[in-house]
Amino acid sequence: MPSVMGLLEDEERAARQRVEVLREQTDRLLAELHEAETDWQELVISQRRVSGVLAGQYPTEGSELAAPVVSVAEPGVSDPAVAAEGRSAKPVVAARPGSIVPR
C-alpha cells in the first residue's frame, strides 16, 4: 500500500509539471500577443500617415507640402478686406521653400 506522503509527492510533481507547461504556453502566447500588437500599431501608424499624405499634411517623395493660398489685395487698396468686398482679390500661392522667384 502506497504511503500518503508518496501520493502527495506524486500529486505535487504532476502539478509542478502542469505549471511548467502552462508557463511555457503563456510565454509563447505573450510573445505572439506582443508581435500582434506591434503589427497592429504599425498598421495604425501607416493608416494615419497615408491619411495625412492624402490630406496634404506630409510631403510625398519628390514633392513638398502644399503651399497655402493667400489673398492679395489689388494695387492701391491697403486693406485686403476692402479689396475682397469691392473688388475681386487674386488668390496667390505662397512660394515653396527653396524655390526661385522670377524678377
C-alpha atoms as a PDB file:
ATOM      1  CA  MET A   1       0.000   0.000   0.000  1.00  0.00           C
ATOM      2  CA  PRO A   2       1.439   3.397  -1.007  1.00  0.00           C
ATOM      3  CA  SER A   3       2.100   5.930   1.687  1.00  0.00           C
ATOM      4  CA  VAL A   4       0.186   9.157   1.941  1.00  0.00           C
ATOM      5  CA  MET A   5       3.411  11.141   1.619  1.00  0.00           C
ATOM      6  CA  GLY A   6       4.305   9.275  -1.587  1.00  0.00           C
ATOM      7  CA  LEU A   7       0.884  10.034  -3.084  1.00  0.00           C
ATOM      8  CA  LEU A   8       1.207  13.713  -2.166  1.00  0.00           C
ATOM      9  CA  GLU A   9       4.684  13.873  -3.731  1.00  0.00           C
ATOM     10  CA  ASP A  10       3.317  12.336  -6.946  1.00  0.00           C
ATOM     11  CA  GLU A  11       0.470  14.878  -6.993  1.00  0.00           C
ATOM     12  CA  GLU A  12       2.947  17.702  -6.351  1.00  0.00           C
ATOM     13  CA  ARG A  13       5.240  16.529  -9.168  1.00  0.00           C
ATOM     14  CA  ALA A  14       2.293  16.349 -11.612  1.00  0.00           C
ATOM     15  CA  ALA A  15       1.088  19.800 -10.537  1.00  0.00           C
ATOM     16  CA  ARG A  16       4.610  21.260 -10.946  1.00  0.00           C
ATOM     17  CA  GLN A  17       4.893  19.780 -14.448  1.00  0.00           C
ATOM     18  CA  ARG A  18       1.491  21.202 -15.353  1.00  0.00           C
ATOM     19  CA  VAL A  19       2.584  24.630 -14.090  1.00  0.00           C
ATOM     20  CA  GLU A  20       5.763  24.460 -16.195  1.00  0.00           C
ATOM     21  CA  VAL A  21       3.767  23.539 -19.310  1.00  0.00           C
ATOM     22  CA  LEU A  22       1.317  26.373 -18.691  1.00  0.00           C
ATOM     23  CA  ARG A  23       4.164  28.877 -18.138  1.00  0.00           C
ATOM     24  CA  GLU A  24       5.750  27.845 -21.443  1.00  0.00           C
ATOM     25  CA  GLN A  25       2.409  28.248 -23.204  1.00  0.00           C
ATOM     26  CA  THR A  26       1.920  31.630 -21.526  1.00  0.00           C
ATOM     27  CA  ASP A  27       5.369  32.797 -22.640  1.00  0.00           C
ATOM     28  CA  ARG A  28       4.606  31.755 -26.232  1.00  0.00           C
ATOM     29  CA  LEU A  29       1.225  33.486 -26.105  1.00  0.00           C
ATOM     30  CA  LEU A  30       2.713  36.669 -24.643  1.00  0.00           C
ATOM     31  CA  ALA A  31       5.341  36.738 -27.396  1.00  0.00           C
ATOM     32  CA  GLU A  32       2.633  36.196 -30.013  1.00  0.00           C
ATOM     33  CA  LEU A  33       0.482  38.895 -28.406  1.00  0.00           C
ATOM     34  CA  HIS A  34       3.398  41.331 -28.440  1.00  0.00           C
ATOM     35  CA  GLU A  35       4.025  40.620 -32.126  1.00  0.00           C
ATOM     36  CA  ALA A  36       0.331  41.064 -32.965  1.00  0.00           C
ATOM     37  CA  GLU A  37       0.158  44.349 -31.022  1.00  0.00           C
ATOM     38  CA  THR A  38       3.279  45.617 -32.816  1.00  0.00           C
ATOM     39  CA  ASP A  39       1.765  44.731 -36.204  1.00  0.00           C
ATOM     40  CA  TRP A  40      -1.473  46.452 -35.219  1.00  0.00           C
ATOM     41  CA  GLN A  41       0.329  49.636 -34.125  1.00  0.00           C
ATOM     42  CA  GLU A  42       2.332  49.691 -37.368  1.00  0.00           C
ATOM     43  CA  LEU A  43      -0.899  49.448 -39.345  1.00  0.00           C
ATOM     44  CA  VAL A  44      -2.450  52.284 -37.335  1.00  0.00           C
ATOM     45  CA  ILE A  45       0.618  54.452 -37.943  1.00  0.00           C
ATOM     46  CA  SER A  46       0.599  53.577 -41.654  1.00  0.00           C
ATOM     47  CA  GLN A  47      -3.075  54.439 -41.923  1.00  0.00           C
ATOM     48  CA  ARG A  48      -2.513  57.805 -40.230  1.00  0.00           C
ATOM     49  CA  ARG A  49       0.416  58.599 -42.498  1.00  0.00           C
ATOM     50  CA  VAL A  50      -1.489  57.677 -45.650  1.00  0.00           C
ATOM     51  CA  SER A  51      -4.442  59.766 -44.474  1.00  0.00           C
ATOM     52  CA  GLY A  52      -2.066  62.646 -43.775  1.00  0.00           C
ATOM     53  CA  VAL A  53      -0.431  62.376 -47.184  1.00  0.00           C
ATOM     54  CA  LEU A  54      -3.809  62.273 -48.889  1.00  0.00           C
ATOM     55  CA  ALA A  55      -4.885  65.312 -46.871  1.00  0.00           C
ATOM     56  CA  GLY A  56      -1.666  67.144 -47.794  1.00  0.00           C
ATOM     57  CA  GLN A  57      -0.184  67.224 -44.291  1.00  0.00           C
ATOM     58  CA  TYR A  58       3.003  65.326 -45.135  1.00  0.00           C
ATOM     59  CA  PRO A  59       5.283  65.718 -48.121  1.00  0.00           C
ATOM     60  CA  THR A  60       5.442  62.833 -50.537  1.00  0.00           C
ATOM     61  CA  GLU A  61       8.628  61.645 -52.196  1.00  0.00           C
ATOM     62  CA  GLY A  62       9.897  64.264 -54.616  1.00  0.00           C
ATOM     63  CA  SER A  63       7.403  66.902 -53.551  1.00  0.00           C
ATOM     64  CA  GLU A  64       6.880  69.348 -50.767  1.00  0.00           C
ATOM     65  CA  LEU A  65       3.913  70.319 -48.656  1.00  0.00           C
ATOM     66  CA  ALA A  66       1.116  72.032 -50.491  1.00  0.00           C
ATOM     67  CA  ALA A  67       1.613  75.772 -50.263  1.00  0.00           C
ATOM     68  CA  PRO A  68      -1.176  77.742 -48.629  1.00  0.00           C
ATOM     69  CA  VAL A  69      -3.276  80.031 -50.766  1.00  0.00           C
ATOM     70  CA  VAL A  70      -3.262  83.641 -49.622  1.00  0.00           C
ATOM     71  CA  SER A  71      -5.339  86.569 -50.754  1.00  0.00           C
ATOM     72  CA  VAL A  72      -3.563  89.641 -52.094  1.00  0.00           C
ATOM     73  CA  ALA A  73      -5.259  92.997 -52.455  1.00  0.00           C
ATOM     74  CA  GLU A  74      -5.133  94.796 -55.738  1.00  0.00           C
ATOM     75  CA  PRO A  75      -2.701  97.706 -56.087  1.00  0.00           C
ATOM     76  CA  GLY A  76      -3.908 100.898 -54.460  1.00  0.00           C
ATOM     77  CA  VAL A  77      -6.036  99.115 -51.832  1.00  0.00           C
ATOM     78  CA  SER A  78      -4.282  98.805 -48.488  1.00  0.00           C
ATOM     79  CA  ASP A  79      -6.862  96.640 -46.694  1.00  0.00           C
ATOM     80  CA  PRO A  80      -7.397  93.144 -48.176  1.00  0.00           C
ATOM     81  CA  ALA A  81     -10.898  93.027 -46.635  1.00  0.00           C
ATOM     82  CA  VAL A  82     -11.853  96.142 -48.590  1.00  0.00           C
ATOM     83  CA  ALA A  83     -10.404  94.632 -51.734  1.00  0.00           C
ATOM     84  CA  ALA A  84     -12.410  91.456 -51.215  1.00  0.00           C
ATOM     85  CA  GLU A  85     -15.631  93.419 -50.733  1.00  0.00           C
ATOM     86  CA  GLY A  86     -15.335  95.910 -53.562  1.00  0.00           C
ATOM     87  CA  ARG A  87     -13.051  94.135 -55.964  1.00  0.00           C
ATOM     88  CA  SER A  88     -12.075  90.566 -56.514  1.00  0.00           C
ATOM     89  CA  ALA A  89      -8.968  89.532 -54.613  1.00  0.00           C
ATOM     90  CA  LYS A  90      -6.429  87.486 -56.518  1.00  0.00           C
ATOM     91  CA  PRO A  91      -5.523  84.155 -54.908  1.00  0.00           C
ATOM     92  CA  VAL A  92      -1.768  83.674 -54.830  1.00  0.00           C
ATOM     93  CA  VAL A  93       0.059  80.525 -53.879  1.00  0.00           C
ATOM     94  CA  ALA A  94       2.890  81.218 -51.445  1.00  0.00           C
ATOM     95  CA  ALA A  95       6.395  80.320 -52.631  1.00  0.00           C
ATOM     96  CA  ARG A  96       7.734  76.978 -51.505  1.00  0.00           C
ATOM     97  CA  PRO A  97      10.980  76.922 -49.524  1.00  0.00           C
ATOM     98  CA  GLY A  98      13.932  76.648 -51.870  1.00  0.00           C
ATOM     99  CA  SER A  99      12.015  77.832 -54.933  1.00  0.00           C
ATOM    100  CA  ILE A 100      13.368  80.548 -57.188  1.00  0.00           C
ATOM    101  CA  VAL A 101      11.190  83.617 -57.587  1.00  0.00           C
ATOM    102  CA  PRO A 102      11.419  85.296 -61.008  1.00  0.00           C
ATOM    103  CA  ARG A 103      12.104  89.035 -61.113  1.00  0.00           C
END
